[in-house]
PDB file of all heavy atoms in Angstrom:
ATOM      1  N   ASN A   1     201.708  58.684  92.250  1.00  0.00           N
ATOM      2  CA  ASN A   1     201.261  60.069  92.644  1.00  0.00           C
ATOM      3  C   ASN A   1     200.537  60.739  91.627  1.00  0.00           C
ATOM      4  O   ASN A   1     199.481  61.483  91.853  1.00  0.00           O
ATOM      5  CB  ASN A   1     202.506  60.827  93.014  1.00  0.00           C
ATOM      6  CG  ASN A   1     203.163  60.393  94.367  1.00  0.00           C
ATOM      7  OD1 ASN A   1     202.552  59.662  95.147  1.00  0.00           O
ATOM      8  ND2 ASN A   1     204.377  60.767  94.552  1.00  0.00           N
ATOM      9  N   SER A   2     200.845  60.561  90.277  1.00  0.00           N
ATOM     10  CA  SER A   2     200.154  61.267  89.255  1.00  0.00           C
ATOM     11  C   SER A   2     198.725  60.712  89.102  1.00  0.00           C
ATOM     12  O   SER A   2     197.813  61.372  88.862  1.00  0.00           O
ATOM     13  CB  SER A   2     200.955  61.018  87.837  1.00  0.00           C
ATOM     14  OG  SER A   2     202.126  61.752  87.886  1.00  0.00           O
ATOM     15  N   ALA A   3     198.535  59.322  89.314  1.00  0.00           N
ATOM     16  CA  ALA A   3     197.216  58.762  89.239  1.00  0.00           C
ATOM     17  C   ALA A   3     196.385  59.219  90.396  1.00  0.00           C
ATOM     18  O   ALA A   3     195.219  59.737  90.183  1.00  0.00           O
ATOM     19  CB  ALA A   3     197.388  57.184  89.441  1.00  0.00           C
ATOM     20  N   ARG A   4     197.008  59.424  91.515  1.00  0.00           N
ATOM     21  CA  ARG A   4     196.184  60.031  92.680  1.00  0.00           C
ATOM     22  C   ARG A   4     195.913  61.552  92.362  1.00  0.00           C
ATOM     23  O   ARG A   4     194.900  62.048  92.753  1.00  0.00           O
ATOM     24  CB  ARG A   4     197.002  59.884  93.950  1.00  0.00           C
ATOM     25  CG  ARG A   4     197.062  58.520  94.447  1.00  0.00           C
ATOM     26  CD  ARG A   4     197.919  58.343  95.711  1.00  0.00           C
ATOM     27  NE  ARG A   4     197.824  57.023  96.272  1.00  0.00           N
ATOM     28  CZ  ARG A   4     198.647  56.512  97.132  1.00  0.00           C
ATOM     29  NH1 ARG A   4     199.620  57.241  97.658  1.00  0.00           N
ATOM     30  NH2 ARG A   4     198.500  55.204  97.588  1.00  0.00           N
ATOM     31  N   GLU A   5     196.891  62.222  91.746  1.00  0.00           N
ATOM     32  CA  GLU A   5     196.667  63.627  91.470  1.00  0.00           C
ATOM     33  C   GLU A   5     195.517  63.813  90.509  1.00  0.00           C
ATOM     34  O   GLU A   5     194.705  64.879  90.493  1.00  0.00           O
ATOM     35  CB  GLU A   5     197.980  64.119  90.778  1.00  0.00           C
ATOM     36  CG  GLU A   5     197.846  65.646  90.340  1.00  0.00           C
ATOM     37  CD  GLU A   5     199.078  66.032  89.636  1.00  0.00           C
ATOM     38  OE1 GLU A   5     200.053  65.370  89.455  1.00  0.00           O
ATOM     39  OE2 GLU A   5     199.116  67.256  89.229  1.00  0.00           O
ATOM     40  N   CYS A   6     195.193  62.862  89.614  1.00  0.00           N
ATOM     41  CA  CYS A   6     194.042  62.954  88.791  1.00  0.00           C
ATOM     42  C   CYS A   6     192.671  62.942  89.561  1.00  0.00           C
ATOM     43  O   CYS A   6     191.613  63.490  88.957  1.00  0.00           O
ATOM     44  CB  CYS A   6     194.025  61.837  87.711  1.00  0.00           C
ATOM     45  SG  CYS A   6     195.374  61.906  86.501  1.00  0.00           S
ATOM     46  N   VAL A   7     192.713  62.265  90.661  1.00  0.00           N
ATOM     47  CA  VAL A   7     191.364  62.118  91.383  1.00  0.00           C
ATOM     48  C   VAL A   7     190.640  63.391  91.590  1.00  0.00           C
ATOM     49  O   VAL A   7     189.517  63.475  91.224  1.00  0.00           O
ATOM     50  CB  VAL A   7     191.534  61.220  92.514  1.00  0.00           C
ATOM     51  CG1 VAL A   7     190.233  61.050  93.453  1.00  0.00           C
ATOM     52  CG2 VAL A   7     192.027  59.769  92.165  1.00  0.00           C
ATOM     53  N   PRO A   8     191.247  64.317  92.213  1.00  0.00           N
ATOM     54  CA  PRO A   8     190.505  65.593  92.515  1.00  0.00           C
ATOM     55  C   PRO A   8     190.142  66.396  91.290  1.00  0.00           C
ATOM     56  O   PRO A   8     189.113  67.036  91.255  1.00  0.00           O
ATOM     57  CB  PRO A   8     191.507  66.430  93.515  1.00  0.00           C
ATOM     58  CG  PRO A   8     192.812  65.775  93.321  1.00  0.00           C
ATOM     59  CD  PRO A   8     192.640  64.373  92.856  1.00  0.00           C
ATOM     60  N   MET A   9     190.984  66.356  90.306  1.00  0.00           N
ATOM     61  CA  MET A   9     190.763  67.075  89.083  1.00  0.00           C
ATOM     62  C   MET A   9     189.492  66.316  88.289  1.00  0.00           C
ATOM     63  O   MET A   9     188.678  67.059  87.743  1.00  0.00           O
ATOM     64  CB  MET A   9     191.927  67.000  88.146  1.00  0.00           C
ATOM     65  CG  MET A   9     192.989  67.886  88.665  1.00  0.00           C
ATOM     66  SD  MET A   9     194.484  68.105  87.651  1.00  0.00           S
ATOM     67  CE  MET A   9     195.210  66.619  87.939  1.00  0.00           C
ATOM     68  N   ILE A  10     189.462  65.040  88.362  1.00  0.00           N
ATOM     69  CA  ILE A  10     188.274  64.334  87.823  1.00  0.00           C
ATOM     70  C   ILE A  10     186.978  64.671  88.537  1.00  0.00           C
ATOM     71  O   ILE A  10     185.945  65.005  87.971  1.00  0.00           O
ATOM     72  CB  ILE A  10     188.467  62.824  87.804  1.00  0.00           C
ATOM     73  CG1 ILE A  10     189.579  62.436  86.762  1.00  0.00           C
ATOM     74  CG2 ILE A  10     187.213  62.058  87.400  1.00  0.00           C
ATOM     75  CD1 ILE A  10     190.163  61.152  86.898  1.00  0.00           C
ATOM     76  N   GLU A  11     187.098  64.738  89.884  1.00  0.00           N
ATOM     77  CA  GLU A  11     185.959  65.045  90.782  1.00  0.00           C
ATOM     78  C   GLU A  11     185.535  66.519  90.423  1.00  0.00           C
ATOM     79  O   GLU A  11     184.267  66.830  90.329  1.00  0.00           O
ATOM     80  CB  GLU A  11     186.329  64.935  92.288  1.00  0.00           C
ATOM     81  CG  GLU A  11     185.287  65.511  93.212  1.00  0.00           C
ATOM     82  CD  GLU A  11     183.965  64.747  93.217  1.00  0.00           C
ATOM     83  OE1 GLU A  11     183.927  63.547  92.787  1.00  0.00           O
ATOM     84  OE2 GLU A  11     182.970  65.352  93.554  1.00  0.00           O
ATOM     85  N   LEU A  12     186.437  67.414  90.269  1.00  0.00           N
ATOM     86  CA  LEU A  12     186.073  68.816  90.028  1.00  0.00           C
ATOM     87  C   LEU A  12     185.418  68.861  88.583  1.00  0.00           C
ATOM     88  O   LEU A  12     184.517  69.722  88.525  1.00  0.00           O
ATOM     89  CB  LEU A  12     187.354  69.618  90.131  1.00  0.00           C
ATOM     90  CG  LEU A  12     187.063  71.190  89.976  1.00  0.00           C
ATOM     91  CD1 LEU A  12     186.122  71.751  90.958  1.00  0.00           C
ATOM     92  CD2 LEU A  12     188.471  71.983  89.980  1.00  0.00           C
ATOM     93  N   SER A  13     186.013  68.139  87.696  1.00  0.00           N
ATOM     94  CA  SER A  13     185.395  68.140  86.427  1.00  0.00           C
ATOM     95  C   SER A  13     183.966  67.736  86.456  1.00  0.00           C
ATOM     96  O   SER A  13     183.115  68.251  85.669  1.00  0.00           O
ATOM     97  CB  SER A  13     186.200  67.249  85.409  1.00  0.00           C
ATOM     98  OG  SER A  13     187.549  67.695  85.221  1.00  0.00           O
ATOM     99  N   ARG A  14     183.690  66.691  87.300  1.00  0.00           N
ATOM    100  CA  ARG A  14     182.239  66.174  87.412  1.00  0.00           C
ATOM    101  C   ARG A  14     181.463  67.295  88.125  1.00  0.00           C
ATOM    102  O   ARG A  14     180.284  67.651  87.633  1.00  0.00           O
ATOM    103  CB  ARG A  14     182.176  64.951  88.268  1.00  0.00           C
ATOM    104  CG  ARG A  14     180.781  64.425  88.350  1.00  0.00           C
ATOM    105  CD  ARG A  14     180.718  63.290  89.387  1.00  0.00           C
ATOM    106  NE  ARG A  14     181.071  63.805  90.711  1.00  0.00           N
ATOM    107  CZ  ARG A  14     180.226  64.462  91.650  1.00  0.00           C
ATOM    108  NH1 ARG A  14     178.983  64.823  91.173  1.00  0.00           N
ATOM    109  NH2 ARG A  14     180.626  64.902  92.817  1.00  0.00           N
ATOM    110  N   ARG A  15     181.924  67.861  89.148  1.00  0.00           N
ATOM    111  CA  ARG A  15     181.137  68.941  89.845  1.00  0.00           C
ATOM    112  C   ARG A  15     180.809  70.135  88.940  1.00  0.00           C
ATOM    113  O   ARG A  15     179.876  70.716  89.085  1.00  0.00           O
ATOM    114  CB  ARG A  15     182.002  69.443  91.139  1.00  0.00           C
ATOM    115  CG  ARG A  15     181.958  68.341  92.194  1.00  0.00           C
ATOM    116  CD  ARG A  15     182.730  68.947  93.403  1.00  0.00           C
ATOM    117  NE  ARG A  15     182.827  68.022  94.513  1.00  0.00           N
ATOM    118  CZ  ARG A  15     183.333  68.367  95.689  1.00  0.00           C
ATOM    119  NH1 ARG A  15     183.568  69.557  96.032  1.00  0.00           N
ATOM    120  NH2 ARG A  15     183.373  67.359  96.573  1.00  0.00           N
ATOM    121  N   ARG A  16     181.737  70.462  88.161  1.00  0.00           N
ATOM    122  CA  ARG A  16     181.568  71.597  87.192  1.00  0.00           C
ATOM    123  C   ARG A  16     180.848  71.142  85.924  1.00  0.00           C
ATOM    124  O   ARG A  16     180.728  71.970  85.003  1.00  0.00           O
ATOM    125  CB  ARG A  16     182.976  72.247  86.832  1.00  0.00           C
ATOM    126  CG  ARG A  16     183.791  72.576  87.919  1.00  0.00           C
ATOM    127  CD  ARG A  16     183.757  73.934  88.342  1.00  0.00           C
ATOM    128  NE  ARG A  16     183.701  74.834  87.217  1.00  0.00           N
ATOM    129  CZ  ARG A  16     183.634  76.146  87.219  1.00  0.00           C
ATOM    130  NH1 ARG A  16     183.442  76.700  88.334  1.00  0.00           N
ATOM    131  NH2 ARG A  16     183.601  76.788  86.215  1.00  0.00           N
ATOM    132  N   THR A  17     180.278  69.977  85.944  1.00  0.00           N
ATOM    133  CA  THR A  17     179.599  69.320  84.826  1.00  0.00           C
ATOM    134  C   THR A  17     180.424  69.424  83.515  1.00  0.00           C
ATOM    135  O   THR A  17     179.720  69.572  82.384  1.00  0.00           O
ATOM    136  CB  THR A  17     178.130  69.961  84.604  1.00  0.00           C
ATOM    137  OG1 THR A  17     178.207  71.370  84.232  1.00  0.00           O
ATOM    138  CG2 THR A  17     177.322  69.687  85.878  1.00  0.00           C
ATOM    139  N   LEU A  18     181.672  69.266  83.610  1.00  0.00           N
ATOM    140  CA  LEU A  18     182.469  69.200  82.382  1.00  0.00           C
ATOM    141  C   LEU A  18     182.564  67.695  81.772  1.00  0.00           C
ATOM    142  O   LEU A  18     182.814  67.529  80.669  1.00  0.00           O
ATOM    143  CB  LEU A  18     183.887  69.695  82.689  1.00  0.00           C
ATOM    144  CG  LEU A  18     184.047  71.093  83.156  1.00  0.00           C
ATOM    145  CD1 LEU A  18     185.481  71.407  83.819  1.00  0.00           C
ATOM    146  CD2 LEU A  18     183.733  72.162  82.012  1.00  0.00           C
ATOM    147  N   ILE A  19     182.352  66.759  82.762  1.00  0.00           N
ATOM    148  CA  ILE A  19     182.150  65.385  82.379  1.00  0.00           C
ATOM    149  C   ILE A  19     180.854  64.938  83.002  1.00  0.00           C
ATOM    150  O   ILE A  19     180.486  65.454  84.094  1.00  0.00           O
ATOM    151  CB  ILE A  19     183.379  64.496  82.749  1.00  0.00           C
ATOM    152  CG1 ILE A  19     183.666  64.574  84.217  1.00  0.00           C
ATOM    153  CG2 ILE A  19     184.691  65.009  81.980  1.00  0.00           C
ATOM    154  CD1 ILE A  19     184.733  63.567  84.754  1.00  0.00           C
ATOM    155  N   GLY A  20     180.336  63.931  82.417  1.00  0.00           N
ATOM    156  CA  GLY A  20     179.079  63.305  83.066  1.00  0.00           C
ATOM    157  C   GLY A  20     179.397  62.286  84.200  1.00  0.00           C
ATOM    158  O   GLY A  20     180.603  61.927  84.347  1.00  0.00           O
ATOM    159  N   GLN A  21     178.342  61.912  84.883  1.00  0.00           N
ATOM    160  CA  GLN A  21     178.561  60.837  85.947  1.00  0.00           C
ATOM    161  C   GLN A  21     179.179  59.609  85.534  1.00  0.00           C
ATOM    162  O   GLN A  21     180.048  59.068  86.169  1.00  0.00           O
ATOM    163  CB  GLN A  21     177.176  60.558  86.712  1.00  0.00           C
ATOM    164  CG  GLN A  21     177.270  59.626  87.808  1.00  0.00           C
ATOM    165  CD  GLN A  21     178.104  60.261  88.984  1.00  0.00           C
ATOM    166  OE1 GLN A  21     178.139  61.459  89.291  1.00  0.00           O
ATOM    167  NE2 GLN A  21     178.692  59.415  89.737  1.00  0.00           N
ATOM    168  N   GLN A  22     178.715  59.029  84.343  1.00  0.00           N
ATOM    169  CA  GLN A  22     179.315  57.847  83.810  1.00  0.00           C
ATOM    170  C   GLN A  22     180.772  57.919  83.512  1.00  0.00           C
ATOM    171  O   GLN A  22     181.608  57.046  83.807  1.00  0.00           O
ATOM    172  CB  GLN A  22     178.492  57.356  82.590  1.00  0.00           C
ATOM    173  CG  GLN A  22     178.952  56.056  82.076  1.00  0.00           C
ATOM    174  CD  GLN A  22     178.149  55.616  80.875  1.00  0.00           C
ATOM    175  OE1 GLN A  22     177.169  56.292  80.462  1.00  0.00           O
ATOM    176  NE2 GLN A  22     178.480  54.379  80.334  1.00  0.00           N
ATOM    177  N   GLU A  23     181.077  59.051  82.859  1.00  0.00           N
ATOM    178  CA  GLU A  23     182.596  59.352  82.496  1.00  0.00           C
ATOM    179  C   GLU A  23     183.399  59.385  83.772  1.00  0.00           C
ATOM    180  O   GLU A  23     184.502  58.921  83.932  1.00  0.00           O
ATOM    181  CB  GLU A  23     182.665  60.503  81.626  1.00  0.00           C
ATOM    182  CG  GLU A  23     183.891  60.553  80.798  1.00  0.00           C
ATOM    183  CD  GLU A  23     183.827  61.616  79.714  1.00  0.00           C
ATOM    184  OE1 GLU A  23     183.083  62.649  79.939  1.00  0.00           O
ATOM    185  OE2 GLU A  23     184.506  61.600  78.785  1.00  0.00           O
ATOM    186  N   TYR A  24     182.803  60.210  84.719  1.00  0.00           N
ATOM    187  CA  TYR A  24     183.479  60.325  86.015  1.00  0.00           C
ATOM    188  C   TYR A  24     183.706  58.961  86.698  1.00  0.00           C
ATOM    189  O   TYR A  24     184.898  58.713  87.088  1.00  0.00           O
ATOM    190  CB  TYR A  24     182.692  61.210  87.004  1.00  0.00           C
ATOM    191  CG  TYR A  24     183.063  61.029  88.416  1.00  0.00           C
ATOM    192  CD1 TYR A  24     184.222  61.688  88.893  1.00  0.00           C
ATOM    193  CD2 TYR A  24     182.363  60.270  89.334  1.00  0.00           C
ATOM    194  CE1 TYR A  24     184.645  61.503  90.217  1.00  0.00           C
ATOM    195  CE2 TYR A  24     182.747  60.069  90.561  1.00  0.00           C
ATOM    196  CZ  TYR A  24     183.910  60.704  91.087  1.00  0.00           C
ATOM    197  OH  TYR A  24     184.411  60.498  92.292  1.00  0.00           O
ATOM    198  N   GLU A  25     182.772  58.058  86.731  1.00  0.00           N
ATOM    199  CA  GLU A  25     182.895  56.816  87.335  1.00  0.00           C
ATOM    200  C   GLU A  25     183.959  55.945  86.591  1.00  0.00           C
ATOM    201  O   GLU A  25     184.731  55.312  87.252  1.00  0.00           O
ATOM    202  CB  GLU A  25     181.551  56.078  87.356  1.00  0.00           C
ATOM    203  CG  GLU A  25     180.579  56.664  88.389  1.00  0.00           C
ATOM    204  CD  GLU A  25     179.194  56.094  88.366  1.00  0.00           C
ATOM    205  OE1 GLU A  25     178.965  55.098  87.546  1.00  0.00           O
ATOM    206  OE2 GLU A  25     178.360  56.620  89.011  1.00  0.00           O
ATOM    207  N   GLN A  26     183.960  56.031  85.276  1.00  0.00           N
ATOM    208  CA  GLN A  26     184.962  55.294  84.480  1.00  0.00           C
ATOM    209  C   GLN A  26     186.386  55.879  84.749  1.00  0.00           C
ATOM    210  O   GLN A  26     187.314  54.995  85.015  1.00  0.00           O
ATOM    211  CB  GLN A  26     184.717  55.412  82.955  1.00  0.00           C
ATOM    212  CG  GLN A  26     183.420  54.730  82.514  1.00  0.00           C
ATOM    213  CD  GLN A  26     183.055  55.003  81.109  1.00  0.00           C
ATOM    214  OE1 GLN A  26     183.523  55.866  80.495  1.00  0.00           O
ATOM    215  NE2 GLN A  26     182.223  54.108  80.574  1.00  0.00           N
ATOM    216  N   PHE A  27     186.576  57.101  84.789  1.00  0.00           N
ATOM    217  CA  PHE A  27     187.865  57.715  85.095  1.00  0.00           C
ATOM    218  C   PHE A  27     188.287  57.447  86.522  1.00  0.00           C
ATOM    219  O   PHE A  27     189.512  57.119  86.754  1.00  0.00           O
ATOM    220  CB  PHE A  27     187.847  59.238  84.867  1.00  0.00           C
ATOM    221  CG  PHE A  27     187.765  59.637  83.417  1.00  0.00           C
ATOM    222  CD1 PHE A  27     187.205  60.808  83.154  1.00  0.00           C
ATOM    223  CD2 PHE A  27     188.239  58.772  82.403  1.00  0.00           C
ATOM    224  CE1 PHE A  27     187.094  61.232  81.760  1.00  0.00           C
ATOM    225  CE2 PHE A  27     188.206  59.201  81.126  1.00  0.00           C
ATOM    226  CZ  PHE A  27     187.571  60.432  80.733  1.00  0.00           C
ATOM    227  N   ASP A  28     187.378  57.532  87.454  1.00  0.00           N
ATOM    228  CA  ASP A  28     187.655  57.312  88.770  1.00  0.00           C
ATOM    229  C   ASP A  28     188.063  55.782  89.067  1.00  0.00           C
ATOM    230  O   ASP A  28     189.134  55.488  89.764  1.00  0.00           O
ATOM    231  CB  ASP A  28     186.520  57.686  89.763  1.00  0.00           C
ATOM    232  CG  ASP A  28     186.902  57.653  91.259  1.00  0.00           C
ATOM    233  OD1 ASP A  28     187.784  58.419  91.605  1.00  0.00           O
ATOM    234  OD2 ASP A  28     186.191  56.902  91.946  1.00  0.00           O
ATOM    235  N   ASP A  29     187.315  54.949  88.446  1.00  0.00           N
ATOM    236  CA  ASP A  29     187.677  53.556  88.559  1.00  0.00           C
ATOM    237  C   ASP A  29     189.065  53.278  87.934  1.00  0.00           C
ATOM    238  O   ASP A  29     189.842  52.455  88.478  1.00  0.00           O
ATOM    239  CB  ASP A  29     186.637  52.691  87.930  1.00  0.00           C
ATOM    240  CG  ASP A  29     186.770  51.200  88.021  1.00  0.00           C
ATOM    241  OD1 ASP A  29     186.811  50.776  89.269  1.00  0.00           O
ATOM    242  OD2 ASP A  29     186.774  50.551  86.995  1.00  0.00           O
ATOM    243  N   ALA A  30     189.344  53.832  86.713  1.00  0.00           N
ATOM    244  CA  ALA A  30     190.663  53.730  86.057  1.00  0.00           C
ATOM    245  C   ALA A  30     191.716  54.117  87.021  1.00  0.00           C
ATOM    246  O   ALA A  30     192.880  53.399  87.189  1.00  0.00           O
ATOM    247  CB  ALA A  30     190.620  54.418  84.811  1.00  0.00           C
ATOM    248  N   CYS A  31     191.515  55.306  87.690  1.00  0.00           N
ATOM    249  CA  CYS A  31     192.604  55.831  88.609  1.00  0.00           C
ATOM    250  C   CYS A  31     192.890  54.858  89.717  1.00  0.00           C
ATOM    251  O   CYS A  31     194.042  54.593  90.102  1.00  0.00           O
ATOM    252  CB  CYS A  31     192.180  57.128  89.126  1.00  0.00           C
ATOM    253  SG  CYS A  31     192.415  58.577  88.025  1.00  0.00           S
ATOM    254  N   PHE A  32     191.716  54.304  90.293  1.00  0.00           N
ATOM    255  CA  PHE A  32     191.890  53.460  91.448  1.00  0.00           C
ATOM    256  C   PHE A  32     192.762  52.199  90.998  1.00  0.00           C
ATOM    257  O   PHE A  32     193.582  51.710  91.689  1.00  0.00           O
ATOM    258  CB  PHE A  32     190.594  53.108  92.050  1.00  0.00           C
ATOM    259  CG  PHE A  32     190.672  52.051  93.181  1.00  0.00           C
ATOM    260  CD1 PHE A  32     190.802  52.578  94.422  1.00  0.00           C
ATOM    261  CD2 PHE A  32     190.427  50.727  92.871  1.00  0.00           C
ATOM    262  CE1 PHE A  32     191.013  51.731  95.476  1.00  0.00           C
ATOM    263  CE2 PHE A  32     190.555  49.813  94.027  1.00  0.00           C
ATOM    264  CZ  PHE A  32     190.789  50.370  95.260  1.00  0.00           C
ATOM    265  N   HIS A  33     192.364  51.588  89.878  1.00  0.00           N
ATOM    266  CA  HIS A  33     193.020  50.421  89.453  1.00  0.00           C
ATOM    267  C   HIS A  33     194.395  50.568  89.084  1.00  0.00           C
ATOM    268  O   HIS A  33     195.272  49.773  89.367  1.00  0.00           O
ATOM    269  CB  HIS A  33     192.212  49.782  88.290  1.00  0.00           C
ATOM    270  CG  HIS A  33     190.962  49.017  88.821  1.00  0.00           C
ATOM    271  ND1 HIS A  33     189.735  49.648  88.784  1.00  0.00           N
ATOM    272  CD2 HIS A  33     190.795  47.767  89.302  1.00  0.00           C
ATOM    273  CE1 HIS A  33     188.921  48.692  89.304  1.00  0.00           C
ATOM    274  NE2 HIS A  33     189.619  47.603  89.727  1.00  0.00           N
ATOM    275  N   ILE A  34     194.668  51.707  88.358  1.00  0.00           N
ATOM    276  CA  ILE A  34     196.095  52.074  88.002  1.00  0.00           C
ATOM    277  C   ILE A  34     196.920  52.284  89.237  1.00  0.00           C
ATOM    278  O   ILE A  34     198.151  51.778  89.447  1.00  0.00           O
ATOM    279  CB  ILE A  34     196.074  53.343  87.059  1.00  0.00           C
ATOM    280  CG1 ILE A  34     195.607  52.887  85.744  1.00  0.00           C
ATOM    281  CG2 ILE A  34     197.557  53.859  87.002  1.00  0.00           C
ATOM    282  CD1 ILE A  34     195.270  54.091  84.795  1.00  0.00           C
ATOM    283  N   ALA A  35     196.372  53.030  90.156  1.00  0.00           N
ATOM    284  CA  ALA A  35     197.077  53.240  91.454  1.00  0.00           C
ATOM    285  C   ALA A  35     197.354  52.007  92.188  1.00  0.00           C
ATOM    286  O   ALA A  35     198.496  51.723  92.698  1.00  0.00           O
ATOM    287  CB  ALA A  35     196.326  54.287  92.334  1.00  0.00           C
ATOM    288  N   SER A  36     196.364  51.076  92.211  1.00  0.00           N
ATOM    289  CA  SER A  36     196.548  49.721  92.867  1.00  0.00           C
ATOM    290  C   SER A  36     197.625  48.970  92.195  1.00  0.00           C
ATOM    291  O   SER A  36     198.480  48.376  92.880  1.00  0.00           O
ATOM    292  CB  SER A  36     195.237  48.978  92.934  1.00  0.00           C
ATOM    293  OG  SER A  36     194.262  49.684  93.654  1.00  0.00           O
ATOM    294  N   MET A  37     197.656  48.976  90.875  1.00  0.00           N
ATOM    295  CA  MET A  37     198.638  48.219  90.175  1.00  0.00           C
ATOM    296  C   MET A  37     199.999  48.832  90.367  1.00  0.00           C
ATOM    297  O   MET A  37     201.068  48.080  90.485  1.00  0.00           O
ATOM    298  CB  MET A  37     198.245  48.225  88.679  1.00  0.00           C
ATOM    299  CG  MET A  37     197.046  47.379  88.389  1.00  0.00           C
ATOM    300  SD  MET A  37     196.445  47.591  86.711  1.00  0.00           S
ATOM    301  CE  MET A  37     197.576  46.473  85.889  1.00  0.00           C
ATOM    302  N   MET A  38     200.081  50.135  90.368  1.00  0.00           N
ATOM    303  CA  MET A  38     201.465  50.828  90.583  1.00  0.00           C
ATOM    304  C   MET A  38     201.996  50.510  91.994  1.00  0.00           C
ATOM    305  O   MET A  38     203.134  50.290  92.202  1.00  0.00           O
ATOM    306  CB  MET A  38     201.280  52.364  90.390  1.00  0.00           C
ATOM    307  CG  MET A  38     201.100  52.694  89.032  1.00  0.00           C
ATOM    308  SD  MET A  38     202.375  52.078  87.849  1.00  0.00           S
ATOM    309  CE  MET A  38     203.908  52.360  88.531  1.00  0.00           C
ATOM    310  N   TYR A  39     201.057  50.520  92.904  1.00  0.00           N
ATOM    311  CA  TYR A  39     201.438  50.161  94.371  1.00  0.00           C
ATOM    312  C   TYR A  39     202.037  48.733  94.449  1.00  0.00           C
ATOM    313  O   TYR A  39     203.092  48.572  94.979  1.00  0.00           O
ATOM    314  CB  TYR A  39     200.320  50.397  95.377  1.00  0.00           C
ATOM    315  CG  TYR A  39     200.796  50.116  96.737  1.00  0.00           C
ATOM    316  CD1 TYR A  39     201.491  51.049  97.440  1.00  0.00           C
ATOM    317  CD2 TYR A  39     200.253  49.008  97.451  1.00  0.00           C
ATOM    318  CE1 TYR A  39     201.895  50.831  98.729  1.00  0.00           C
ATOM    319  CE2 TYR A  39     200.671  48.786  98.701  1.00  0.00           C
ATOM    320  CZ  TYR A  39     201.447  49.710  99.464  1.00  0.00           C
ATOM    321  OH  TYR A  39     201.861  49.512 100.672  1.00  0.00           O
ATOM    322  N   ALA A  40     201.351  47.771  93.806  1.00  0.00           N
ATOM    323  CA  ALA A  40     201.827  46.514  93.780  1.00  0.00           C
ATOM    324  C   ALA A  40     203.152  46.323  93.016  1.00  0.00           C
ATOM    325  O   ALA A  40     204.068  45.577  93.457  1.00  0.00           O
ATOM    326  CB  ALA A  40     200.788  45.523  93.084  1.00  0.00           C
ATOM    327  N   LEU A  41     203.282  47.049  91.875  1.00  0.00           N
ATOM    328  CA  LEU A  41     204.554  47.130  91.090  1.00  0.00           C
ATOM    329  C   LEU A  41     205.718  47.645  91.940  1.00  0.00           C
ATOM    330  O   LEU A  41     206.836  47.067  91.933  1.00  0.00           O
ATOM    331  CB  LEU A  41     204.367  47.792  89.767  1.00  0.00           C
ATOM    332  CG  LEU A  41     205.406  47.728  88.737  1.00  0.00           C
ATOM    333  CD1 LEU A  41     205.678  46.271  88.312  1.00  0.00           C
ATOM    334  CD2 LEU A  41     204.985  48.528  87.588  1.00  0.00           C
ATOM    335  N   MET A  42     205.440  48.697  92.611  1.00  0.00           N
ATOM    336  CA  MET A  42     206.520  49.325  93.526  1.00  0.00           C
ATOM    337  C   MET A  42     206.869  48.287  94.653  1.00  0.00           C
ATOM    338  O   MET A  42     208.183  48.198  94.860  1.00  0.00           O
ATOM    339  CB  MET A  42     205.948  50.563  94.198  1.00  0.00           C
ATOM    340  CG  MET A  42     205.801  51.808  93.342  1.00  0.00           C
ATOM    341  SD  MET A  42     205.052  53.123  94.148  1.00  0.00           S
ATOM    342  CE  MET A  42     206.129  53.364  95.606  1.00  0.00           C
ATOM    343  N   ARG A  43     206.017  47.615  95.151  1.00  0.00           N
ATOM    344  CA  ARG A  43     206.416  46.602  96.213  1.00  0.00           C
ATOM    345  C   ARG A  43     207.097  45.422  95.658  1.00  0.00           C
ATOM    346  O   ARG A  43     207.841  44.809  96.373  1.00  0.00           O
ATOM    347  CB  ARG A  43     205.034  46.110  96.858  1.00  0.00           C
ATOM    348  CG  ARG A  43     204.464  47.155  97.773  1.00  0.00           C
ATOM    349  CD  ARG A  43     203.355  46.688  98.659  1.00  0.00           C
ATOM    350  NE  ARG A  43     202.957  45.280  98.379  1.00  0.00           N
ATOM    351  CZ  ARG A  43     201.835  44.737  98.838  1.00  0.00           C
ATOM    352  NH1 ARG A  43     200.965  45.501  99.437  1.00  0.00           N
ATOM    353  NH2 ARG A  43     201.603  43.508  98.551  1.00  0.00           N
TER     354      ARG A  43
END
């Protein structure tokens, strides 16, 4: 849930130009992979 919680905040950070597109993509990708790994670990 915390990994998923990061997603909208990262998106808002990009929209407000607090982070660049490349940094956004890295963070978003990291969240996706962490969330996928957590889901598999839970199962």
